[in-house]
Structures are given as structure tokens and as C-alpha cells.
Amino acid sequence: MLGRIGPGDELSQDGHYWRKFDELPELAAAVDQLVKASSGNAADDPQWRDDRIKASLRWLDERKSPDRREHESPQSAAMAAPLRSGGDRRITPETVEQHAYRESRTSTESGLQQHRQHYGKGLLLGVTIALAALVGVTTYRPVNPVKVGLFIRSADCSRPPQPNINWEGCDKSGYLLVGGDLSGASLTRVKFVGANLAHTDFSGALLEGADLRKAVLQYAHLSNAQLQGADLRGALLDGAEMAGAELGNAIWIDGRICKRGSKGRCY
């Protein structure tokens, strides 16, 4: 295909037994198969075959422009010298079309190589920055850390009642909690509509904005509980102990809004 082998050249696979090209049908068949990449009537067309040969030749031509041998090191040239028979071994002269194609391919490959190098450097820089940031986040400790007094707990409405439980925003309407202990619990905006909370210990609990309409709070212990804004309309508070409980802006059982500073009683 490249013209390096002529009709009079002898070829050998073992270096001892030599034959001419036309005496090697398997090699001729392989070259023919390379040209006939697709089957059909077009393969018998001389013009089509000539175009296929030119295309295959451009594909197989590994020569670059300028000649890579001009920049070979002495060591590489010495190693390649025994393989070269002097000059260019191609028998068929190069056409203007082939030369132009090789020039164009060399320019394209050079541009692609520059782009690969550019993108490779950018990728390496990005990976380096990411690794540095990861190491910094995992190992850096501030010299004088600032402690912020902000602690957010997510409400767990599924947990059973217990002291200091966080039920913020939960719906416990119709809940039966007789004699339970919710002391110190966070019960902001909890709905206890119609719940039975008799004898429940709410001491120190935060009930700001809680909805306690029609809830049963008989004998409940609400000492020091914070009920700011709680809706107590219709709640049963018989015997409830509310010593020190803050009722500011709570809606009392008779619809009154307790004034700020109301403790134990609604003023």
C-alpha cells in the first residue's frame, strides 16, 4: 500500500526461505481485503478501487511533516539505521495530494496535542485545588473557636412521652396521656385538641403557641411551664397546679387573652 514493497522484492517470514510478492497469495489477499473494506459491485470499479487505495494510503501513512528523522537523537538514529536501506524506501513518488494531506494532518494533530495539554493542566489544577480544600476542611481547626449558643433539634413526634422530649409542631389531638411526665419538654405549637392530659407533669415545659382546646388537664402539674400564646379555650383545668406558670397572651378558657406577666392566673 505504501509502495515499500515492489514486484521484484523477495519476502520471508523466517529469514531463510524467500519468495516474491506475487508468490505469496495470502499476503496479496490480505492487502486486497484491506482495500475492499466493503463488499459489492463497487469493488470491481477501477475508479472506486483507486479511491479506496488512496484513502487506505492516507490512513496508513505515519509520516509527519516536518520529517521526524530531522529531530531524532543520535541514539534513536543509530538504532533505526540497520532497518533503513538508505533514503526513503518508498518506491512510488508522493503526489501533491498526499503531501497536502500529510501537512493538514500534522497541523491538526499538533492543535489537538496543544488542546490536550491545556485541558490536562486545567484538570490537574482543579484536582489539586479540590484535594487541598478537602484536606483543609478535614484537618483545619480554628485557633480561637467561637461557640454559638444555637442548638437545633428536630422534632421526633413518634417518640413516647418523656422528660425533655421535643414534640415541636406535632399533632397529639385526642392523645391519652394520663399521669405522663413531660417536664422540661419542648411542646411549641403542639396540638393537644381533645387530648386527655390528666395528672400529667408539665413543670418547666415550653407550651408556647400550643393548642389545648377542650384538653383535659385535671390535676395536671403546670408549675413554671411557659404557655405564652397557648390556646386554652374549653380546656378542663380542674385542680390543675399552675404555680409560677407564665400565661402571657394565652387564650384562657373563657376566651380572655392573658396579659403579659400573668403567672399562675390569667389577668
Protein backbone atom coordinates (compact mmCIF):
# COMPACT_ATOMS: atom_id res chain seq x y z
CA MET A 1 0.00 0.00 0.00
CA LEU A 2 2.82 2.43 0.88
CA GLY A 3 4.99 1.38 -2.04
CA ARG A 4 7.79 0.00 0.10
CA ILE A 5 7.47 -3.45 -1.48
CA GLY A 6 7.89 -3.77 -5.25
CA PRO A 7 7.05 -6.70 -7.57
CA GLY A 8 10.73 -7.75 -7.65
CA ASP A 9 11.29 -7.72 -3.89
CA GLU A 10 11.66 -11.03 -2.07
CA LEU A 11 9.95 -11.56 1.26
CA SER A 12 10.49 -14.05 4.06
CA GLN A 13 8.83 -14.90 7.34
CA ASP A 14 11.77 -16.82 8.81
CA GLY A 15 14.81 -15.20 7.16
CA HIS A 16 15.73 -18.39 5.31
CA TYR A 17 13.03 -19.14 2.77
CA TRP A 18 12.41 -16.20 0.39
CA ARG A 19 9.66 -15.65 -2.15
CA LYS A 20 8.45 -12.80 -4.31
CA PHE A 21 5.30 -10.89 -3.54
CA ASP A 22 3.30 -12.48 -6.32
CA GLU A 23 4.25 -15.89 -4.91
CA LEU A 24 2.53 -15.07 -1.58
CA PRO A 25 -1.22 -15.26 -2.33
CA GLU A 26 -2.14 -14.93 1.36
CA LEU A 27 -0.35 -11.57 1.57
CA ALA A 28 -1.92 -10.39 -1.66
CA ALA A 29 -5.34 -11.45 -0.32
CA ALA A 30 -4.73 -9.52 2.91
CA VAL A 31 -3.84 -6.35 1.00
CA ASP A 32 -6.84 -6.82 -1.24
CA GLN A 33 -9.08 -7.24 1.80
CA LEU A 34 -7.68 -4.01 3.23
CA VAL A 35 -8.71 -2.19 0.09
CA LYS A 36 -12.11 -3.88 -0.14
CA ALA A 37 -13.41 -2.68 3.20
CA SER A 38 -16.95 -3.25 1.96
CA SER A 39 -18.29 -5.78 -0.49
CA GLY A 40 -20.41 -5.06 -3.56
CA ASN A 41 -20.25 -4.28 -7.21
CA ALA A 42 -18.34 -1.07 -6.47
CA ALA A 43 -15.26 -3.14 -5.58
CA ASP A 44 -14.93 -4.08 -9.25
CA ASP A 45 -14.96 -0.45 -10.38
CA PRO A 46 -11.35 0.68 -11.14
CA GLN A 47 -12.09 4.27 -10.12
CA TRP A 48 -13.66 3.14 -6.84
CA ARG A 49 -10.71 0.85 -6.15
CA ASP A 50 -8.25 3.65 -6.88
CA ASP A 51 -10.09 5.94 -4.44
CA ARG A 52 -10.06 3.22 -1.82
CA ILE A 53 -6.33 2.70 -2.27
CA LYS A 54 -5.71 6.44 -1.83
CA ALA A 55 -7.89 6.54 1.29
CA SER A 56 -6.12 3.50 2.78
CA LEU A 57 -2.77 5.02 1.93
CA ARG A 58 -3.67 8.24 3.77
CA TRP A 59 -4.81 6.20 6.76
CA LEU A 60 -1.65 4.09 6.89
CA ASP A 61 0.79 6.90 6.20
CA GLU A 62 2.53 7.55 9.52
CA ARG A 63 4.94 10.14 8.17
CA LYS A 64 4.79 13.56 9.72
CA SER A 65 5.75 16.96 8.40
CA PRO A 66 8.46 18.00 9.01
CA ASP A 67 10.32 14.70 8.78
CA ARG A 68 10.66 13.29 12.28
CA ARG A 69 14.11 11.98 11.39
CA GLU A 70 15.40 15.55 11.40
CA HIS A 71 14.88 15.70 15.16
CA GLU A 72 16.00 12.19 16.05
CA SER A 73 18.55 11.76 18.77
CA PRO A 74 21.83 10.08 17.81
CA GLN A 75 20.85 7.02 19.83
CA SER A 76 17.50 6.64 18.04
CA ALA A 77 19.12 7.18 14.64
CA ALA A 78 21.75 4.52 15.39
CA MET A 79 19.06 2.02 16.39
CA ALA A 80 16.97 2.72 13.29
CA ALA A 81 19.86 2.77 10.81
CA PRO A 82 20.00 -1.03 10.28
CA LEU A 83 16.29 -1.00 9.41
CA ARG A 84 16.71 1.63 6.73
CA SER A 85 18.05 0.91 3.27
CA GLY A 86 19.12 4.48 2.64
CA GLY A 87 16.88 7.38 1.75
CA ASP A 88 13.14 6.94 1.60
CA ARG A 89 12.27 3.32 0.89
CA ARG A 90 9.03 4.22 -0.83
CA ILE A 91 9.17 3.37 -4.48
CA THR A 92 6.06 5.30 -5.53
CA PRO A 93 6.65 9.07 -5.62
CA GLU A 94 4.44 11.16 -3.37
CA THR A 95 1.70 13.13 -5.06
CA VAL A 96 0.77 16.74 -4.31
CA GLU A 97 -2.48 15.50 -2.80
CA GLN A 98 -0.66 13.14 -0.44
CA HIS A 99 1.77 15.86 0.61
CA ALA A 100 -1.08 18.33 1.28
CA TYR A 101 -2.97 15.70 3.29
CA ARG A 102 0.09 14.95 5.42
CA GLU A 103 0.64 18.67 6.07
CA SER A 104 -3.01 19.09 7.07
CA ARG A 105 -2.95 16.05 9.35
CA THR A 106 0.24 17.22 11.02
CA SER A 107 -1.30 20.63 11.72
CA THR A 108 -4.48 19.04 13.11
CA GLU A 109 -2.59 16.64 15.37
CA SER A 110 -0.41 19.48 16.66
CA GLY A 111 -3.50 21.53 17.55
CA LEU A 112 -5.14 18.58 19.28
CA GLN A 113 -1.99 17.91 21.26
CA GLN A 114 -1.88 21.52 22.45
CA HIS A 115 -5.54 21.33 23.47
CA ARG A 116 -4.93 18.08 25.36
CA GLN A 117 -2.01 19.65 27.18
CA HIS A 118 -4.09 22.72 28.02
CA TYR A 119 -7.05 20.71 29.29
CA GLY A 120 -4.72 18.34 31.12
CA LYS A 121 -3.13 21.23 33.04
CA GLY A 122 -6.56 22.65 33.87
CA LEU A 123 -7.80 19.29 35.10
CA LEU A 124 -4.67 18.78 37.19
CA LEU A 125 -5.08 22.25 38.72
CA GLY A 126 -8.74 21.58 39.52
CA VAL A 127 -7.97 18.24 41.18
CA THR A 128 -5.16 19.84 43.19
CA ILE A 129 -7.45 22.63 44.44
CA ALA A 130 -10.18 20.14 45.34
CA LEU A 131 -7.74 17.95 47.28
CA ALA A 132 -6.31 20.99 49.08
CA ALA A 133 -9.82 22.11 50.05
CA LEU A 134 -10.70 18.62 51.28
CA VAL A 135 -7.55 18.40 53.37
CA GLY A 136 -8.19 21.87 54.76
CA VAL A 137 -11.77 21.08 55.75
CA THR A 138 -10.87 17.78 57.43
CA THR A 139 -7.73 18.92 59.25
CA TYR A 140 -8.16 22.63 59.96
CA ARG A 141 -9.07 23.60 63.48
CA PRO A 142 -9.63 27.28 64.37
CA VAL A 143 -7.22 28.69 66.93
CA ASN A 144 -9.93 30.51 68.86
CA PRO A 145 -13.21 28.80 68.04
CA VAL A 146 -16.37 30.81 68.58
CA LYS A 147 -19.07 28.87 70.33
CA VAL A 148 -22.53 29.84 69.20
CA GLY A 149 -25.35 29.14 71.60
CA LEU A 150 -27.67 27.81 68.91
CA PHE A 151 -28.77 24.22 69.06
CA ILE A 152 -31.50 22.96 66.78
CA ARG A 153 -33.16 19.67 67.48
CA SER A 154 -35.50 18.10 65.03
CA ALA A 155 -38.86 17.11 66.43
CA ASP A 156 -39.47 13.42 66.95
CA CYS A 157 -43.22 13.03 67.03
CA SER A 158 -43.02 9.26 67.08
CA ARG A 159 -41.15 9.01 70.38
CA PRO A 160 -43.16 8.27 73.54
CA PRO A 161 -43.67 10.98 76.16
CA GLN A 162 -40.69 11.54 78.42
CA PRO A 163 -38.97 14.46 80.14
CA ASN A 164 -37.30 16.97 77.78
CA ILE A 165 -38.89 15.38 74.72
CA ASN A 166 -39.05 17.53 71.58
CA TRP A 167 -42.55 17.46 70.15
CA GLU A 168 -42.48 20.86 68.47
CA GLY A 169 -45.23 21.15 65.87
CA CYS A 170 -46.52 17.61 66.46
CA ASP A 171 -50.21 16.74 66.36
CA LYS A 172 -51.27 14.91 69.53
CA SER A 173 -55.01 15.58 69.19
CA GLY A 174 -57.09 13.11 71.21
CA TYR A 175 -53.92 11.83 72.86
CA LEU A 176 -54.33 9.84 76.08
CA LEU A 177 -51.54 10.76 78.48
CA VAL A 178 -52.79 10.26 82.00
CA GLY A 179 -50.07 10.67 84.58
CA GLY A 180 -47.32 11.14 82.00
CA ASP A 181 -44.13 13.12 82.54
CA LEU A 182 -43.42 15.94 80.09
CA SER A 183 -41.40 18.09 82.43
CA GLY A 184 -38.99 20.33 80.57
CA ALA A 185 -40.37 19.17 77.22
CA SER A 186 -40.45 21.40 74.14
CA LEU A 187 -44.09 21.47 73.11
CA THR A 188 -44.23 24.62 70.98
CA ARG A 189 -47.23 24.69 68.60
CA VAL A 190 -48.26 21.14 69.56
CA LYS A 191 -51.93 20.30 69.00
CA PHE A 192 -53.50 18.69 72.05
CA VAL A 193 -57.10 19.25 70.88
CA GLY A 194 -59.36 16.95 72.90
CA ALA A 195 -56.40 15.18 74.49
CA ASN A 196 -56.64 13.69 77.99
CA LEU A 197 -53.64 15.00 79.91
CA ALA A 198 -54.92 14.46 83.44
CA HIS A 199 -52.26 14.30 86.17
CA THR A 200 -49.54 14.99 83.55
CA ASP A 201 -46.39 16.74 84.74
CA PHE A 202 -45.71 19.77 82.53
CA SER A 203 -43.41 21.53 85.00
CA GLY A 204 -40.88 23.67 83.15
CA ALA A 205 -42.32 22.64 79.76
CA LEU A 206 -42.43 25.10 76.86
CA LEU A 207 -46.01 25.25 75.58
CA GLU A 208 -45.73 28.45 73.56
CA GLY A 209 -48.47 28.56 70.92
CA ALA A 210 -49.75 25.11 71.91
CA ASP A 211 -53.37 24.28 71.10
CA LEU A 212 -55.04 22.87 74.24
CA ARG A 213 -58.68 23.40 73.26
CA LYS A 214 -61.00 21.00 75.09
CA ALA A 215 -57.98 19.21 76.52
CA VAL A 216 -58.43 17.57 79.91
CA LEU A 217 -55.81 18.98 82.31
CA GLN A 218 -57.39 17.88 85.59
CA TYR A 219 -54.80 17.86 88.34
CA ALA A 220 -52.05 18.45 85.81
CA HIS A 221 -48.82 19.89 87.15
CA LEU A 222 -48.03 23.05 85.15
CA SER A 223 -45.72 24.76 87.61
CA ASN A 224 -43.25 27.10 85.89
CA ALA A 225 -44.48 25.99 82.48
CA GLN A 226 -44.42 28.57 79.70
CA LEU A 227 -47.80 28.86 77.95
CA GLN A 228 -47.30 32.12 76.03
CA GLY A 229 -49.86 32.24 73.24
CA ALA A 230 -51.34 28.84 74.14
CA ASP A 231 -55.00 28.30 73.26
CA LEU A 232 -56.72 27.01 76.39
CA ARG A 233 -60.31 27.63 75.32
CA GLY A 234 -62.61 24.98 76.72
CA ALA A 235 -59.77 23.18 78.46
CA LEU A 236 -60.65 21.42 81.72
CA LEU A 237 -58.26 22.81 84.31
CA ASP A 238 -59.96 21.43 87.42
CA GLY A 239 -57.39 21.09 90.17
CA ALA A 240 -54.52 21.99 87.82
CA GLU A 241 -51.48 23.36 89.62
CA MET A 242 -50.16 26.38 87.74
CA ALA A 243 -47.89 27.96 90.31
CA GLY A 244 -45.44 30.29 88.54
CA ALA A 245 -46.63 29.28 85.07
CA GLU A 246 -46.25 32.09 82.53
CA LEU A 247 -49.55 32.73 80.71
CA GLY A 248 -48.71 35.88 78.74
CA ASN A 249 -51.04 36.25 75.68
CA ALA A 250 -52.53 32.80 76.32
CA ILE A 251 -56.20 32.45 75.31
CA TRP A 252 -57.94 31.50 78.54
CA ILE A 253 -60.83 29.06 78.90
CA ASP A 254 -63.35 31.89 78.77
CA GLY A 255 -61.77 33.49 75.69
CA ARG A 256 -59.81 36.18 77.56
CA ILE A 257 -56.26 36.90 76.44
CA CYS A 258 -53.97 36.82 79.42
CA LYS A 259 -51.77 39.86 79.88
CA ARG A 260 -48.02 39.68 79.88
CA GLY A 261 -46.76 38.90 83.36
CA SER A 262 -49.69 36.62 84.19
CA LYS A 263 -48.33 33.79 86.27
CA GLY A 264 -50.49 31.05 87.75
CA ARG A 265 -53.61 33.02 86.93
CA CYS A 266 -54.92 34.85 83.85
CA TYR A 267 -55.07 38.62 84.33
